[in-house]
Amino acid sequence: VQLQASGGGLVQAGGSLRLSCAASGRSFSSYTMGWFRQAPGKEREFVAAVSWSGEDTYYADFVKGRFTISRDNAKNTVYLQMNSLKPEDTAVYYCAARQPGWTEYDQWGQGTQVTVSS
């Protein structure tokens, strides 16, 4: 599966953005999908994930209550709604796919820049 992330931009602290990740390939609906981010000088970190059905979601503690991950398998798209953004959320955000039964994400999108100004 190939992934294309979009929706990043510049927003003031307290604002919102919605990231989208469009996937190609017929197997999208069987993949667990995740969002990760990498800030300058820092390692990439997990943000959120959603199971193949969309029923199960997982979040890093630092985004709980602010970010929501969802997916639309009919559109081959996964979303990350980001509310109450903080300057420390500034990073390049990547979407990733994990095959059924795998423990690692093996397909990655190109990333989209999110910049939150104070």
N, C-alpha and C. Protein backbone atom coordinates (compact mmCIF):
# COMPACT_ATOMS: atom_id res chain seq x y z
N VAL A 1 0.84 -1.18 0.00
CA VAL A 1 0.00 0.00 0.00
C VAL A 1 0.88 1.24 0.00
N GLN A 2 0.48 2.25 -0.81
CA GLN A 2 1.21 3.51 -0.85
C GLN A 2 0.38 4.56 -0.13
N LEU A 3 1.08 5.43 0.61
CA LEU A 3 0.40 6.39 1.47
C LEU A 3 0.77 7.82 1.10
N GLN A 4 -0.22 8.71 1.15
CA GLN A 4 -0.01 10.12 0.83
C GLN A 4 -0.68 10.95 1.92
N ALA A 5 0.14 11.60 2.74
CA ALA A 5 -0.39 12.43 3.83
C ALA A 5 -0.57 13.87 3.36
N SER A 6 -1.57 14.52 3.92
CA SER A 6 -1.84 15.92 3.59
C SER A 6 -2.58 16.58 4.75
N GLY A 7 -2.72 17.91 4.65
CA GLY A 7 -3.50 18.63 5.64
C GLY A 7 -2.70 19.42 6.65
N GLY A 8 -1.39 19.32 6.58
CA GLY A 8 -0.57 20.08 7.50
C GLY A 8 -0.61 21.56 7.19
N GLY A 9 -0.03 22.37 8.08
CA GLY A 9 0.00 23.79 7.87
C GLY A 9 0.43 24.53 9.11
N LEU A 10 0.24 25.84 9.07
CA LEU A 10 0.57 26.72 10.18
C LEU A 10 -0.71 27.12 10.90
N VAL A 11 -0.71 26.95 12.20
CA VAL A 11 -1.90 27.28 12.99
C VAL A 11 -1.45 27.87 14.32
N GLN A 12 -2.28 28.72 14.89
CA GLN A 12 -1.98 29.29 16.20
C GLN A 12 -2.28 28.29 17.30
N ALA A 13 -1.61 28.46 18.41
CA ALA A 13 -1.88 27.61 19.57
C ALA A 13 -3.36 27.67 19.93
N GLY A 14 -3.93 26.52 20.22
CA GLY A 14 -5.34 26.41 20.52
C GLY A 14 -6.20 26.10 19.31
N GLY A 15 -5.59 26.18 18.13
CA GLY A 15 -6.32 25.91 16.91
C GLY A 15 -6.41 24.43 16.58
N SER A 16 -6.97 24.16 15.39
CA SER A 16 -7.21 22.78 14.97
C SER A 16 -6.72 22.56 13.54
N LEU A 17 -6.37 21.33 13.27
CA LEU A 17 -6.05 20.87 11.92
C LEU A 17 -6.56 19.45 11.77
N ARG A 18 -6.86 19.07 10.55
CA ARG A 18 -7.20 17.68 10.28
C ARG A 18 -6.25 17.15 9.21
N LEU A 19 -5.51 16.14 9.56
CA LEU A 19 -4.62 15.49 8.62
C LEU A 19 -5.37 14.33 7.95
N SER A 20 -5.02 14.11 6.70
CA SER A 20 -5.57 12.99 5.95
C SER A 20 -4.43 12.15 5.39
N CYS A 21 -4.69 10.88 5.25
CA CYS A 21 -3.72 9.98 4.65
C CYS A 21 -4.47 9.09 3.68
N ALA A 22 -4.23 9.32 2.40
CA ALA A 22 -4.90 8.54 1.36
C ALA A 22 -4.02 7.36 0.99
N ALA A 23 -4.63 6.20 0.89
CA ALA A 23 -3.89 4.98 0.59
C ALA A 23 -4.33 4.40 -0.73
N SER A 24 -3.38 3.86 -1.44
CA SER A 24 -3.70 3.12 -2.65
C SER A 24 -3.54 1.64 -2.36
N GLY A 25 -4.24 0.81 -3.11
CA GLY A 25 -4.13 -0.61 -2.89
C GLY A 25 -5.39 -1.19 -2.29
N ARG A 26 -5.67 -2.43 -2.64
CA ARG A 26 -6.92 -3.06 -2.23
C ARG A 26 -6.88 -3.61 -0.82
N SER A 27 -5.71 -3.63 -0.19
CA SER A 27 -5.59 -4.24 1.12
C SER A 27 -5.73 -3.25 2.26
N PHE A 28 -6.03 -1.99 1.94
CA PHE A 28 -6.06 -0.95 2.97
C PHE A 28 -6.92 -1.35 4.15
N SER A 29 -8.09 -1.89 3.89
CA SER A 29 -9.04 -2.16 4.97
C SER A 29 -8.56 -3.23 5.95
N SER A 30 -7.50 -3.95 5.61
CA SER A 30 -6.98 -4.98 6.51
C SER A 30 -5.81 -4.48 7.35
N TYR A 31 -5.32 -3.28 7.07
CA TYR A 31 -4.15 -2.75 7.76
C TYR A 31 -4.53 -1.98 9.02
N THR A 32 -3.73 -2.11 10.05
CA THR A 32 -3.75 -1.15 11.14
C THR A 32 -3.04 0.11 10.64
N MET A 33 -3.63 1.25 10.92
CA MET A 33 -3.04 2.52 10.45
C MET A 33 -2.61 3.35 11.65
N GLY A 34 -1.49 4.03 11.48
CA GLY A 34 -0.98 4.85 12.57
C GLY A 34 -0.49 6.20 12.10
N TRP A 35 -0.41 7.11 13.05
CA TRP A 35 0.22 8.42 12.83
C TRP A 35 1.41 8.52 13.78
N PHE A 36 2.49 9.02 13.24
CA PHE A 36 3.71 9.27 14.01
C PHE A 36 4.14 10.71 13.74
N ARG A 37 5.04 11.21 14.55
CA ARG A 37 5.55 12.55 14.28
C ARG A 37 7.03 12.63 14.67
N GLN A 38 7.71 13.57 14.04
CA GLN A 38 9.12 13.79 14.33
C GLN A 38 9.39 15.29 14.34
N ALA A 39 9.80 15.78 15.49
CA ALA A 39 10.17 17.18 15.64
C ALA A 39 11.67 17.32 15.36
N PRO A 40 12.11 18.52 14.99
CA PRO A 40 13.54 18.73 14.70
C PRO A 40 14.42 18.32 15.89
N GLY A 41 15.42 17.51 15.60
CA GLY A 41 16.35 17.09 16.64
C GLY A 41 15.84 16.01 17.56
N LYS A 42 14.65 15.51 17.27
CA LYS A 42 14.06 14.48 18.14
C LYS A 42 13.78 13.21 17.34
N GLU A 43 13.61 12.12 18.06
CA GLU A 43 13.28 10.87 17.41
C GLU A 43 11.79 10.85 17.03
N ARG A 44 11.49 10.03 16.05
CA ARG A 44 10.10 9.85 15.66
C ARG A 44 9.34 9.18 16.81
N GLU A 45 8.10 9.64 17.03
CA GLU A 45 7.31 9.09 18.13
C GLU A 45 5.91 8.75 17.67
N PHE A 46 5.35 7.78 18.33
CA PHE A 46 3.99 7.34 18.05
C PHE A 46 2.99 8.38 18.53
N VAL A 47 1.95 8.61 17.72
CA VAL A 47 0.90 9.54 18.08
C VAL A 47 -0.42 8.81 18.31
N ALA A 48 -0.85 8.04 17.32
CA ALA A 48 -2.15 7.37 17.42
C ALA A 48 -2.22 6.24 16.41
N ALA A 49 -3.12 5.29 16.65
CA ALA A 49 -3.34 4.19 15.74
C ALA A 49 -4.81 3.79 15.77
N VAL A 50 -5.23 3.17 14.67
CA VAL A 50 -6.61 2.69 14.58
C VAL A 50 -6.58 1.30 13.95
N SER A 51 -7.40 0.40 14.47
CA SER A 51 -7.46 -0.96 13.96
C SER A 51 -8.10 -0.99 12.59
N TRP A 52 -8.03 -2.14 11.93
CA TRP A 52 -8.53 -2.24 10.57
C TRP A 52 -10.01 -1.89 10.46
N SER A 53 -10.77 -2.20 11.50
CA SER A 53 -12.22 -1.94 11.47
C SER A 53 -12.58 -0.53 11.91
N GLY A 54 -11.63 0.12 12.56
CA GLY A 54 -11.92 1.44 13.13
C GLY A 54 -12.48 1.38 14.53
N GLU A 55 -12.72 0.18 15.04
CA GLU A 55 -13.35 0.06 16.35
C GLU A 55 -12.38 0.33 17.50
N ASP A 56 -11.13 0.04 17.29
CA ASP A 56 -10.13 0.20 18.35
C ASP A 56 -9.16 1.32 18.00
N THR A 57 -8.96 2.20 18.94
CA THR A 57 -8.02 3.30 18.74
C THR A 57 -7.05 3.37 19.91
N TYR A 58 -5.87 3.89 19.64
CA TYR A 58 -4.81 3.97 20.62
C TYR A 58 -4.13 5.33 20.49
N TYR A 59 -3.77 5.91 21.63
CA TYR A 59 -3.20 7.25 21.63
C TYR A 59 -2.00 7.34 22.55
N ALA A 60 -1.05 8.18 22.16
CA ALA A 60 0.01 8.55 23.09
C ALA A 60 -0.60 9.44 24.16
N ASP A 61 -0.05 9.36 25.35
CA ASP A 61 -0.62 10.13 26.46
C ASP A 61 -0.66 11.62 26.16
N PHE A 62 0.31 12.11 25.45
CA PHE A 62 0.39 13.56 25.26
C PHE A 62 -0.66 14.10 24.27
N VAL A 63 -1.44 13.23 23.62
CA VAL A 63 -2.49 13.71 22.72
C VAL A 63 -3.89 13.27 23.14
N LYS A 64 -3.96 12.47 24.19
CA LYS A 64 -5.27 12.00 24.64
C LYS A 64 -6.17 13.17 24.99
N GLY A 65 -7.40 13.11 24.48
CA GLY A 65 -8.35 14.17 24.73
C GLY A 65 -8.26 15.33 23.76
N ARG A 66 -7.20 15.35 22.94
CA ARG A 66 -7.03 16.46 21.98
C ARG A 66 -7.08 15.97 20.54
N PHE A 67 -6.54 14.80 20.28
CA PHE A 67 -6.48 14.26 18.92
C PHE A 67 -7.44 13.08 18.80
N THR A 68 -7.98 12.91 17.59
CA THR A 68 -8.85 11.77 17.30
C THR A 68 -8.45 11.16 15.97
N ILE A 69 -8.20 9.86 15.99
CA ILE A 69 -7.89 9.14 14.76
C ILE A 69 -9.13 8.40 14.30
N SER A 70 -9.33 8.38 12.99
CA SER A 70 -10.46 7.66 12.42
C SER A 70 -10.09 7.20 11.01
N ARG A 71 -10.93 6.36 10.46
CA ARG A 71 -10.66 5.89 9.10
C ARG A 71 -11.96 5.68 8.35
N ASP A 72 -11.87 5.77 7.04
CA ASP A 72 -12.99 5.49 6.16
C ASP A 72 -12.48 4.49 5.14
N ASN A 73 -12.79 3.23 5.35
CA ASN A 73 -12.27 2.19 4.46
C ASN A 73 -12.85 2.28 3.06
N ALA A 74 -14.03 2.85 2.93
CA ALA A 74 -14.62 3.02 1.60
C ALA A 74 -13.82 4.03 0.78
N LYS A 75 -13.16 4.96 1.47
CA LYS A 75 -12.37 5.99 0.80
C LYS A 75 -10.87 5.73 0.90
N ASN A 76 -10.50 4.61 1.52
CA ASN A 76 -9.07 4.30 1.69
C ASN A 76 -8.32 5.45 2.36
N THR A 77 -8.91 6.02 3.38
CA THR A 77 -8.33 7.20 4.01
C THR A 77 -8.38 7.08 5.53
N VAL A 78 -7.32 7.54 6.16
CA VAL A 78 -7.28 7.65 7.61
C VAL A 78 -7.07 9.12 7.97
N TYR A 79 -7.67 9.54 9.06
CA TYR A 79 -7.66 10.94 9.46
C TYR A 79 -7.06 11.10 10.85
N LEU A 80 -6.54 12.28 11.09
CA LEU A 80 -6.12 12.66 12.44
C LEU A 80 -6.65 14.06 12.70
N GLN A 81 -7.69 14.15 13.50
CA GLN A 81 -8.24 15.44 13.90
C GLN A 81 -7.46 15.92 15.10
N MET A 82 -6.87 17.08 14.98
CA MET A 82 -6.02 17.63 16.04
C MET A 82 -6.63 18.92 16.55
N ASN A 83 -7.03 18.92 17.79
CA ASN A 83 -7.62 20.09 18.43
C ASN A 83 -6.72 20.58 19.57
N SER A 84 -6.98 21.80 20.00
CA SER A 84 -6.21 22.38 21.12
C SER A 84 -4.71 22.22 20.90
N LEU A 85 -4.27 22.57 19.72
CA LEU A 85 -2.87 22.37 19.38
C LEU A 85 -1.96 23.25 20.22
N LYS A 86 -0.78 22.71 20.49
CA LYS A 86 0.22 23.39 21.30
C LYS A 86 1.50 23.56 20.48
N PRO A 87 2.32 24.52 20.82
CA PRO A 87 3.59 24.68 20.08
C PRO A 87 4.43 23.40 20.07
N GLU A 88 4.36 22.63 21.12
CA GLU A 88 5.14 21.39 21.18
C GLU A 88 4.59 20.30 20.26
N ASP A 89 3.45 20.53 19.63
CA ASP A 89 2.94 19.60 18.62
C ASP A 89 3.60 19.83 17.26
N THR A 90 4.39 20.87 17.15
CA THR A 90 5.08 21.15 15.90
C THR A 90 5.99 20.01 15.51
N ALA A 91 5.79 19.49 14.30
CA ALA A 91 6.55 18.32 13.83
C ALA A 91 6.12 17.99 12.42
N VAL A 92 6.87 17.09 11.82
CA VAL A 92 6.41 16.45 10.58
C VAL A 92 5.62 15.22 11.00
N TYR A 93 4.42 15.11 10.50
CA TYR A 93 3.52 14.01 10.83
C TYR A 93 3.50 13.01 9.69
N TYR A 94 3.66 11.74 10.03
CA TYR A 94 3.70 10.66 9.06
C TYR A 94 2.56 9.67 9.34
N CYS A 95 1.96 9.21 8.27
CA CYS A 95 1.04 8.08 8.43
C CYS A 95 1.77 6.80 8.05
N ALA A 96 1.34 5.71 8.63
CA ALA A 96 2.00 4.44 8.42
C ALA A 96 0.99 3.31 8.46
N ALA A 97 1.33 2.21 7.81
CA ALA A 97 0.45 1.05 7.75
C ALA A 97 1.17 -0.18 8.28
N ARG A 98 0.42 -1.00 8.98
CA ARG A 98 0.96 -2.24 9.54
C ARG A 98 0.10 -3.40 9.08
N GLN A 99 0.76 -4.39 8.51
CA GLN A 99 0.03 -5.54 7.98
C GLN A 99 -0.55 -6.39 9.10
N PRO A 100 -1.61 -7.11 8.83
CA PRO A 100 -2.19 -8.00 9.85
C PRO A 100 -1.15 -8.99 10.38
N GLY A 101 -1.08 -9.10 11.69
CA GLY A 101 -0.15 -10.03 12.30
C GLY A 101 1.26 -9.52 12.46
N TRP A 102 1.56 -8.37 11.90
CA TRP A 102 2.91 -7.80 12.03
C TRP A 102 2.97 -6.91 13.28
N THR A 103 4.16 -6.73 13.82
CA THR A 103 4.34 -5.85 14.97
C THR A 103 4.94 -4.51 14.58
N GLU A 104 5.46 -4.43 13.37
CA GLU A 104 6.09 -3.20 12.93
C GLU A 104 5.30 -2.59 11.77
N TYR A 105 5.35 -1.25 11.68
CA TYR A 105 4.79 -0.55 10.55
C TYR A 105 5.80 -0.61 9.40
N ASP A 106 5.36 -1.06 8.26
CA ASP A 106 6.31 -1.25 7.16
C ASP A 106 6.04 -0.38 5.95
N GLN A 107 4.94 0.35 5.98
CA GLN A 107 4.64 1.26 4.87
C GLN A 107 4.49 2.66 5.46
N TRP A 108 5.17 3.64 4.84
CA TRP A 108 5.18 5.00 5.37
C TRP A 108 4.86 6.01 4.29
N GLY A 109 4.12 7.04 4.68
CA GLY A 109 3.88 8.15 3.79
C GLY A 109 5.03 9.14 3.85
N GLN A 110 4.92 10.23 3.08
CA GLN A 110 6.02 11.17 2.95
C GLN A 110 6.07 12.22 4.05
N GLY A 111 5.03 12.34 4.84
CA GLY A 111 5.01 13.32 5.92
C GLY A 111 4.39 14.64 5.52
N THR A 112 3.77 15.29 6.50
CA THR A 112 3.20 16.61 6.29
C THR A 112 3.57 17.48 7.49
N GLN A 113 4.00 18.71 7.23
CA GLN A 113 4.49 19.59 8.28
C GLN A 113 3.34 20.25 9.01
N VAL A 114 3.40 20.19 10.34
CA VAL A 114 2.46 20.91 11.20
C VAL A 114 3.28 21.87 12.05
N THR A 115 2.93 23.14 11.98
CA THR A 115 3.62 24.16 12.76
C THR A 115 2.60 24.92 13.60
N VAL A 116 2.82 24.93 14.90
CA VAL A 116 1.90 25.61 15.82
C VAL A 116 2.64 26.79 16.43
N SER A 117 2.13 27.97 16.19
CA SER A 117 2.76 29.18 16.71
C SER A 117 2.15 29.56 18.06
N SER A 118 2.97 30.16 18.89
CA SER A 118 2.51 30.54 20.24
C SER A 118 1.95 31.95 20.25
